[in-house]
């Protein structure tokens, strides 16, 4: 039997960042994940300029820069057979692998005293009086008693507390189900560009990460893969749907062990930041992939959640105050970029609209720039989510 101040379920970006923020404030923190780390994960591995200040706040930016991440300054869009469209990014982004980033986050959390338990599944969360019981399944059953719980275990996470809502439901706007795939590639020319290739059945993004490696990650609509199996077969099938992508991948060599997949992916899942306990990252809201700011939003939600969790643990607010303040902060800071990200995601998936999008972007570049910046986070307000 273990007792702790806060148990965080899910050791990805949001969960790990919340663990760092709370552990460095002096709270006993346990970070739990059913997966073993480090690992490769389906992700664009793109750190937008907006995320860098938050990584610096977590004292991680110098360690990431020491890894010599790729610098990314523009985007290239190949829209359903149209000529490629080049767009400047609002600032310099970094390409860094999740394999490294997750490890760095875990090291920093441990440095501040957080206990990290990976390869362990949180099978149940229940409330007993003023504390929570988290049942764990691993090599042996165990449990943790916590004063607070944060769930950051992905898009289909659910606290399991009685009376909480069923999660993972798609909105009417987009009920399509996707495969998410990812692989690192070598033998390709690198640069300072994130490349996005679209066709009717999905899209693939290719961008540089550390070590001269390219990361290929994308979404493919279920049922349109003609029997392809495995990440590499799916990527090959995708390349046959977009000639520009096919040419780009000629001579590329997959790096063994870097492949990952996830299914299903529902882009229209409704947002909710509370399910009996606080939710963070994709557990609170699936970020539209073309938002380009997913890792930044995960970091922001973690900072906002940790700020309220600290106030709750210190006795300055009650549980209802935490829920209200956190929900309000998420709406104010994340709702606008998420909404515009969904609009951009839907628009670029429609082949009939892409000629108009391309012509508008060429005729009025400032409009394309405004659309891109609309999907990005504003700077963190002074006094919000600070590390204390």
Protein backbone atom coordinates (compact mmCIF):
# COMPACT_ATOMS: atom_id res chain seq x y z
CA UNK A 1 0.00 0.00 0.00
CA UNK A 2 1.39 3.42 -1.02
CA UNK A 3 0.19 6.88 -0.11
CA UNK A 4 0.92 9.95 -2.16
CA UNK A 5 -0.31 13.47 -2.73
CA UNK A 6 -1.07 13.05 -6.43
CA UNK A 7 -1.24 10.10 -8.80
CA UNK A 8 -0.90 10.89 -12.51
CA UNK A 9 -2.08 8.19 -14.90
CA UNK A 10 -0.33 8.45 -18.25
CA UNK A 11 3.37 9.24 -18.64
CA UNK A 12 3.33 10.93 -22.03
CA UNK A 13 3.98 14.63 -22.53
CA UNK A 14 1.04 15.99 -20.53
CA UNK A 15 1.34 13.55 -17.63
CA UNK A 16 5.10 13.89 -17.37
CA UNK A 17 4.98 17.68 -17.53
CA UNK A 18 2.32 17.75 -14.79
CA UNK A 19 4.50 15.43 -12.69
CA UNK A 20 7.48 17.78 -13.06
CA UNK A 21 5.41 20.84 -12.14
CA UNK A 22 3.89 19.23 -9.03
CA UNK A 23 6.99 17.38 -7.83
CA UNK A 24 9.11 20.53 -8.00
CA UNK A 25 6.48 22.27 -5.85
CA UNK A 26 7.19 19.66 -3.18
CA UNK A 27 4.18 17.35 -3.61
CA UNK A 28 4.66 13.58 -3.46
CA UNK A 29 3.93 12.53 -7.04
CA UNK A 30 3.53 9.12 -8.66
CA UNK A 31 3.56 8.89 -12.48
CA UNK A 32 1.97 5.68 -13.85
CA UNK A 33 1.88 4.23 -17.36
CA UNK A 34 1.03 0.81 -18.74
CA UNK A 35 3.73 1.15 -21.40
CA UNK A 36 7.47 0.74 -20.95
CA UNK A 37 9.69 3.70 -21.86
CA UNK A 38 11.50 4.88 -23.90
CA UNK A 39 9.37 3.95 -26.89
CA UNK A 40 8.45 5.17 -30.33
CA UNK A 41 4.97 6.62 -30.61
CA UNK A 42 2.74 7.87 -33.43
CA UNK A 43 3.51 11.58 -33.38
CA UNK A 44 4.55 14.35 -35.74
CA UNK A 45 7.53 14.99 -33.42
CA UNK A 46 7.20 18.71 -34.11
CA UNK A 47 7.80 21.21 -31.30
CA UNK A 48 6.19 24.48 -32.33
CA UNK A 49 7.78 27.79 -31.31
CA UNK A 50 5.00 28.21 -28.74
CA UNK A 51 6.18 25.13 -26.84
CA UNK A 52 9.74 26.29 -26.28
CA UNK A 53 8.97 28.72 -23.45
CA UNK A 54 7.10 25.95 -21.61
CA UNK A 55 10.01 23.55 -22.04
CA UNK A 56 12.31 26.22 -20.66
CA UNK A 57 9.97 26.62 -17.69
CA UNK A 58 10.36 22.87 -17.10
CA UNK A 59 14.18 23.33 -17.32
CA UNK A 60 14.24 21.01 -20.34
CA UNK A 61 15.00 23.31 -23.26
CA UNK A 62 18.80 23.25 -22.85
CA UNK A 63 18.82 19.45 -22.74
CA UNK A 64 16.73 19.31 -25.92
CA UNK A 65 18.97 21.82 -27.70
CA UNK A 66 22.02 19.77 -26.69
CA UNK A 67 20.49 16.92 -28.71
CA UNK A 68 20.78 19.11 -31.84
CA UNK A 69 17.15 18.93 -32.92
CA UNK A 70 16.24 19.82 -36.49
CA UNK A 71 15.24 23.43 -37.14
CA UNK A 72 11.97 23.78 -39.06
CA UNK A 73 11.06 27.14 -40.59
CA UNK A 74 8.47 26.40 -43.28
CA UNK A 75 5.72 24.02 -44.34
CA UNK A 76 5.19 22.47 -47.76
CA UNK A 77 1.70 21.27 -48.70
CA UNK A 78 1.07 18.81 -51.54
CA UNK A 79 -2.70 19.02 -51.86
CA UNK A 80 -4.41 16.24 -53.80
CA UNK A 81 -2.09 16.43 -56.81
CA UNK A 82 -1.81 20.24 -56.84
CA UNK A 83 1.60 21.91 -57.10
CA UNK A 84 3.29 22.15 -53.73
CA UNK A 85 2.43 25.22 -51.68
CA UNK A 86 5.13 26.73 -49.46
CA UNK A 87 4.16 28.53 -46.26
CA UNK A 88 6.49 30.22 -43.79
CA UNK A 89 5.97 29.16 -40.18
CA UNK A 90 5.40 31.81 -37.50
CA UNK A 91 8.81 31.24 -35.89
CA UNK A 92 11.31 28.40 -35.80
CA UNK A 93 10.03 24.99 -34.72
CA UNK A 94 12.15 22.04 -33.57
CA UNK A 95 12.04 18.43 -34.71
CA UNK A 96 12.76 16.05 -31.85
CA UNK A 97 11.83 12.38 -31.46
CA UNK A 98 9.36 11.26 -28.82
CA UNK A 99 11.85 8.52 -27.95
CA UNK A 100 14.19 11.23 -26.64
CA UNK A 101 11.62 13.76 -25.43
CA UNK A 102 9.66 11.31 -23.26
CA UNK A 103 12.92 10.08 -21.71
CA UNK A 104 14.00 13.65 -20.96
CA UNK A 105 10.65 14.44 -19.33
CA UNK A 106 10.88 11.33 -17.15
CA UNK A 107 14.43 12.14 -16.08
CA UNK A 108 13.43 15.63 -15.04
CA UNK A 109 10.38 14.36 -13.13
CA UNK A 110 12.59 11.87 -11.27
CA UNK A 111 15.14 14.61 -10.58
CA UNK A 112 12.41 16.50 -8.71
CA UNK A 113 11.42 13.44 -6.70
CA UNK A 114 8.52 11.96 -8.66
CA UNK A 115 8.16 8.19 -8.53
CA UNK A 116 7.78 6.73 -12.03
CA UNK A 117 6.03 3.38 -12.40
CA UNK A 118 5.89 2.15 -16.00
CA UNK A 119 4.69 -1.21 -17.26
CA UNK A 120 1.86 -0.91 -14.72
CA UNK A 121 -1.83 -0.52 -15.59
CA UNK A 122 -4.20 1.63 -13.55
CA UNK A 123 -7.20 -0.70 -13.69
CA UNK A 124 -9.56 1.28 -11.47
CA UNK A 125 -9.91 4.66 -9.80
CA UNK A 126 -12.42 5.06 -7.01
CA UNK A 127 -13.08 7.64 -4.35
CA UNK A 128 -13.09 6.79 -0.65
CA UNK A 129 -13.96 9.81 1.43
CA UNK A 130 -11.47 12.60 0.74
CA UNK A 131 -8.97 10.42 -1.11
CA UNK A 132 -8.76 8.25 -4.21
CA UNK A 133 -7.79 4.63 -4.54
CA UNK A 134 -5.91 3.67 -7.71
CA UNK A 135 -5.78 -0.07 -8.33
CA UNK A 136 -2.70 -1.21 -10.24
CA UNK A 137 -2.00 -4.30 -12.31
CA UNK A 138 1.59 -5.25 -13.08
CA UNK A 139 3.81 -8.06 -12.00
CA UNK A 140 1.55 -8.11 -8.95
CA UNK A 141 -1.57 -6.27 -7.88
CA UNK A 142 -1.08 -3.18 -5.76
CA UNK A 143 -2.84 0.06 -4.95
CA UNK A 144 -2.09 3.70 -4.34
CA UNK A 145 -3.97 6.09 -2.08
CA UNK A 146 -3.84 9.63 -3.42
CA UNK A 147 -5.27 12.98 -2.40
CA UNK A 148 -5.64 13.93 -6.07
CA UNK A 149 -5.65 12.13 -9.42
CA UNK A 150 -4.91 13.44 -12.91
CA UNK A 151 -5.67 11.26 -15.94
CA UNK A 152 -3.43 11.92 -18.97
CA UNK A 153 -3.50 8.50 -20.59
CA UNK A 154 -4.67 9.37 -24.09
CA UNK A 155 -7.72 9.98 -26.23
CA UNK A 156 -9.83 7.12 -24.89
CA UNK A 157 -8.98 7.53 -21.23
CA UNK A 158 -11.72 7.31 -18.68
CA UNK A 159 -11.42 7.66 -14.93
CA UNK A 160 -13.89 4.85 -14.21
CA UNK A 161 -15.45 6.78 -11.34
CA UNK A 162 -19.18 6.08 -10.88
CA UNK A 163 -21.46 8.45 -12.74
CA UNK A 164 -18.81 9.73 -15.16
CA UNK A 165 -19.45 10.06 -18.85
CA UNK A 166 -18.63 7.61 -21.62
CA UNK A 167 -15.64 9.02 -23.53
CA UNK A 168 -14.29 8.61 -27.02
CA UNK A 169 -17.48 9.57 -28.86
CA UNK A 170 -17.01 11.36 -32.18
CA UNK A 171 -18.87 14.51 -33.10
CA UNK A 172 -21.18 14.60 -36.12
CA UNK A 173 -18.62 16.64 -38.07
CA UNK A 174 -16.16 13.79 -38.42
CA UNK A 175 -17.10 10.21 -37.69
CA UNK A 176 -14.31 8.77 -39.84
CA UNK A 177 -12.00 6.28 -38.18
CA UNK A 178 -8.31 6.45 -38.98
CA UNK A 179 -5.12 4.46 -38.61
CA UNK A 180 -2.26 6.50 -37.18
CA UNK A 181 1.19 5.39 -38.39
CA UNK A 182 4.77 6.49 -37.88
CA UNK A 183 8.27 5.44 -38.95
CA UNK A 184 11.72 7.02 -38.95
CA UNK A 185 13.52 7.02 -42.28
CA UNK A 186 17.08 7.56 -43.39
CA UNK A 187 18.68 8.13 -46.78
CA UNK A 188 16.52 11.19 -47.50
CA UNK A 189 17.55 14.77 -48.15
CA UNK A 190 16.79 16.85 -45.07
CA UNK A 191 16.04 20.53 -44.77
CA UNK A 192 14.07 23.00 -42.66
CA UNK A 193 10.62 22.02 -43.92
CA UNK A 194 7.71 20.00 -42.61
CA UNK A 195 6.11 18.37 -45.66
CA UNK A 196 2.42 17.44 -45.76
CA UNK A 197 1.00 15.16 -48.47
CA UNK A 198 -2.76 14.82 -48.89
CA UNK A 199 -5.08 12.51 -50.81
CA UNK A 200 -8.66 11.41 -50.41
CA UNK A 201 -7.81 8.64 -47.95
CA UNK A 202 -5.65 10.62 -45.54
CA UNK A 203 -2.34 12.38 -45.29
CA UNK A 204 1.31 11.83 -44.35
CA UNK A 205 3.65 14.39 -42.85
CA UNK A 206 7.43 14.15 -43.23
CA UNK A 207 9.72 16.28 -41.11
CA UNK A 208 13.31 16.18 -39.83
CA UNK A 209 14.26 15.20 -36.30
CA UNK A 210 17.62 14.90 -34.58
CA UNK A 211 20.46 12.93 -36.13
CA UNK A 212 19.65 13.63 -39.79
CA UNK A 213 16.60 11.34 -39.59
CA UNK A 214 13.19 12.03 -41.12
CA UNK A 215 9.97 11.22 -39.30
CA UNK A 216 7.04 10.06 -41.42
CA UNK A 217 3.71 10.10 -39.60
CA UNK A 218 0.17 10.20 -40.89
CA UNK A 219 -3.49 9.30 -40.73
CA UNK A 220 -5.11 6.82 -43.12
CA UNK A 221 -8.86 6.32 -43.36
CA UNK A 222 -9.95 2.85 -42.25
CA UNK A 223 -10.94 0.50 -45.04
CA UNK A 224 -8.92 2.15 -47.83
CA UNK A 225 -5.65 0.25 -47.47
CA UNK A 226 -6.31 -2.65 -49.87
CA UNK A 227 -5.17 -5.33 -47.45
CA UNK A 228 -1.94 -3.61 -46.41
CA UNK A 229 -0.60 -4.89 -43.10
CA UNK A 230 1.95 -3.31 -40.81
CA UNK A 231 3.23 0.25 -40.72
CA UNK A 232 5.60 -0.05 -43.66
CA UNK A 233 2.99 -1.64 -45.93
CA UNK A 234 0.53 1.07 -44.95
CA UNK A 235 3.10 3.76 -45.71
CA UNK A 236 3.85 2.17 -49.07
CA UNK A 237 0.14 2.01 -49.88
CA UNK A 238 -0.20 5.68 -48.93
CA UNK A 239 2.64 6.64 -51.25
CA UNK A 240 0.78 5.10 -54.19
CA UNK A 241 -2.08 7.51 -53.50
CA UNK A 242 0.06 10.63 -53.83
CA UNK A 243 2.70 10.79 -56.57
CA UNK A 244 4.63 13.57 -54.84
CA UNK A 245 4.87 11.45 -51.69
CA UNK A 246 5.91 8.44 -53.75
CA UNK A 247 8.75 10.41 -55.33
CA UNK A 248 9.82 11.80 -51.96
CA UNK A 249 10.07 8.33 -50.45
CA UNK A 250 12.18 6.86 -53.29
CA UNK A 251 15.39 5.55 -51.79
CA UNK A 252 14.22 6.11 -48.21
CA UNK A 253 15.22 3.35 -45.81
CA UNK A 254 13.07 2.59 -42.74
CA UNK A 255 14.98 2.48 -39.47
CA UNK A 256 14.13 -0.80 -37.71
CA UNK A 257 12.29 -0.53 -34.42
CA UNK A 258 10.94 2.98 -35.01
CA UNK A 259 7.57 1.93 -36.40
CA UNK A 260 4.40 2.56 -34.40
CA UNK A 261 0.67 2.49 -35.07
CA UNK A 262 -2.55 3.39 -33.31
CA UNK A 263 -6.15 2.62 -34.19
CA UNK A 264 -8.81 3.85 -34.22
CA UNK A 265 -8.21 7.60 -34.24
CA UNK A 266 -11.37 9.73 -34.01
CA UNK A 267 -10.62 13.34 -34.84
CA UNK A 268 -14.01 14.62 -33.79
CA UNK A 269 -13.99 13.35 -30.22
CA UNK A 270 -15.77 15.73 -27.88
CA UNK A 271 -13.68 17.69 -25.42
CA UNK A 272 -14.01 17.32 -21.65
CA UNK A 273 -11.48 18.31 -19.03
CA UNK A 274 -13.19 16.58 -16.10
CA UNK A 275 -14.41 13.03 -15.66
CA UNK A 276 -14.71 12.79 -11.90
CA UNK A 277 -11.03 13.75 -11.83
CA UNK A 278 -8.97 16.17 -13.89
CA UNK A 279 -8.05 15.18 -17.48
CA UNK A 280 -5.03 16.52 -19.35
CA UNK A 281 -3.53 16.23 -22.84
CA UNK A 282 -5.41 14.05 -25.32
CA UNK A 283 -7.49 12.65 -22.46
CA UNK A 284 -9.11 16.08 -22.27
CA UNK A 285 -9.30 16.79 -25.99
CA UNK A 286 -7.83 15.21 -29.10
CA UNK A 287 -5.72 17.83 -30.85
CA UNK A 288 -6.32 18.00 -34.62
CA UNK A 289 -3.03 16.76 -36.12
CA UNK A 290 -2.84 19.64 -38.59
CA UNK A 291 -3.00 22.08 -35.71
CA UNK A 292 0.78 21.62 -35.66
CA UNK A 293 0.74 22.49 -31.98
CA UNK A 294 -0.26 19.21 -30.32
CA UNK A 295 2.77 18.86 -28.07
CA UNK A 296 2.51 22.51 -27.09
CA UNK A 297 -1.15 22.09 -26.15
CA UNK A 298 -0.31 19.00 -24.09
CA UNK A 299 2.30 21.02 -22.21
CA UNK A 300 -0.13 23.91 -21.72
CA UNK A 301 -2.94 21.72 -20.39
CA UNK A 302 -0.46 20.12 -17.97
CA UNK A 303 0.69 23.52 -16.72
CA UNK A 304 -2.88 24.74 -16.21
CA UNK A 305 -3.93 21.52 -14.48
CA UNK A 306 -0.87 21.47 -12.22
CA UNK A 307 -1.50 25.07 -11.16
CA UNK A 308 -4.99 24.20 -9.91
CA UNK A 309 -3.87 20.86 -8.44
CA UNK A 310 -1.25 22.72 -6.40
CA UNK A 311 -3.90 25.11 -5.07
CA UNK A 312 -6.17 22.17 -4.20
CA UNK A 313 -3.45 20.18 -2.43
CA UNK A 314 -2.44 23.29 -0.48
CA UNK A 315 -6.03 23.75 0.70
CA UNK A 316 -6.56 27.09 -1.06
CA UNK A 317 -9.44 25.75 -3.19
CA UNK A 318 -11.79 22.79 -3.09
CA UNK A 319 -12.35 20.15 -5.78
CA UNK A 320 -15.21 22.07 -7.42
CA UNK A 321 -13.08 25.22 -7.57
CA UNK A 322 -10.33 23.20 -9.28
CA UNK A 323 -12.77 21.85 -11.86
CA UNK A 324 -14.26 25.28 -12.61
CA UNK A 325 -10.96 27.16 -12.80
CA UNK A 326 -9.24 24.52 -14.91
CA UNK A 327 -12.20 24.19 -17.29
CA UNK A 328 -12.33 27.95 -17.72
CA UNK A 329 -8.59 28.21 -18.40
CA UNK A 330 -8.72 25.43 -21.00
CA UNK A 331 -11.63 27.10 -22.79
CA UNK A 332 -9.91 30.48 -22.82
CA UNK A 333 -6.53 29.26 -24.01
CA UNK A 334 -7.10 26.12 -26.09
CA UNK A 335 -10.60 26.37 -27.57
CA UNK A 336 -9.74 28.83 -30.35
CA UNK A 337 -6.66 27.04 -31.76
CA UNK A 338 -8.43 23.68 -31.50
CA UNK A 339 -11.45 25.01 -33.38
CA UNK A 340 -9.34 26.49 -36.18
CA UNK A 341 -7.24 23.34 -36.26
CA UNK A 342 -10.37 21.27 -36.89
CA UNK A 343 -11.44 23.67 -39.64
CA UNK A 344 -8.02 23.42 -41.29
CA UNK A 345 -7.99 19.62 -40.90
CA UNK A 346 -11.40 19.30 -42.56
CA UNK A 347 -10.68 21.81 -45.33
CA UNK A 348 -7.41 20.22 -46.44
CA UNK A 349 -9.01 16.77 -46.50
CA UNK A 350 -11.54 17.91 -49.13
CA UNK A 351 -10.03 17.52 -52.60
CA UNK A 352 -12.67 19.80 -54.14
CA UNK A 353 -11.59 22.69 -51.92
CA UNK A 354 -7.82 22.47 -52.34
CA UNK A 355 -7.53 24.40 -55.64
CA UNK A 356 -9.37 27.32 -54.01
CA UNK A 357 -7.24 27.06 -50.87
CA UNK A 358 -4.05 27.07 -52.92
CA UNK A 359 -5.13 30.00 -55.11
CA UNK A 360 -6.21 32.02 -52.08
CA UNK A 361 -2.89 31.34 -50.33
CA UNK A 362 -0.93 32.43 -53.41
CA UNK A 363 -3.06 35.52 -54.02
CA UNK A 364 -3.14 36.62 -50.37
CA UNK A 365 -0.30 35.02 -48.39
CA UNK A 366 -1.26 36.97 -45.29
CA UNK A 367 -4.57 35.07 -45.14
CA UNK A 368 -2.79 31.70 -45.12
CA UNK A 369 -0.43 33.06 -42.46
CA UNK A 370 -3.39 34.22 -40.37
CA UNK A 371 -5.02 30.78 -40.65
CA UNK A 372 -1.82 29.06 -39.54
CA UNK A 373 -1.34 31.42 -36.59
CA UNK A 374 -5.00 30.96 -35.60
CA UNK A 375 -4.25 27.31 -34.88
CA UNK A 376 -1.42 28.21 -32.47
CA UNK A 377 -1.44 28.93 -28.77
CA UNK A 378 -1.09 32.46 -27.47
CA UNK A 379 1.77 33.04 -25.01
CA UNK A 380 1.09 31.79 -21.50
CA UNK A 381 -0.55 34.59 -19.48
CA UNK A 382 1.66 35.96 -16.71
CA UNK A 383 1.07 34.03 -13.50
CA UNK A 384 -0.59 31.03 -15.19
CA UNK A 385 0.93 27.58 -14.88
CA UNK A 386 4.20 28.79 -13.42
CA UNK A 387 6.41 26.29 -11.69
CA UNK A 388 6.30 28.13 -8.38
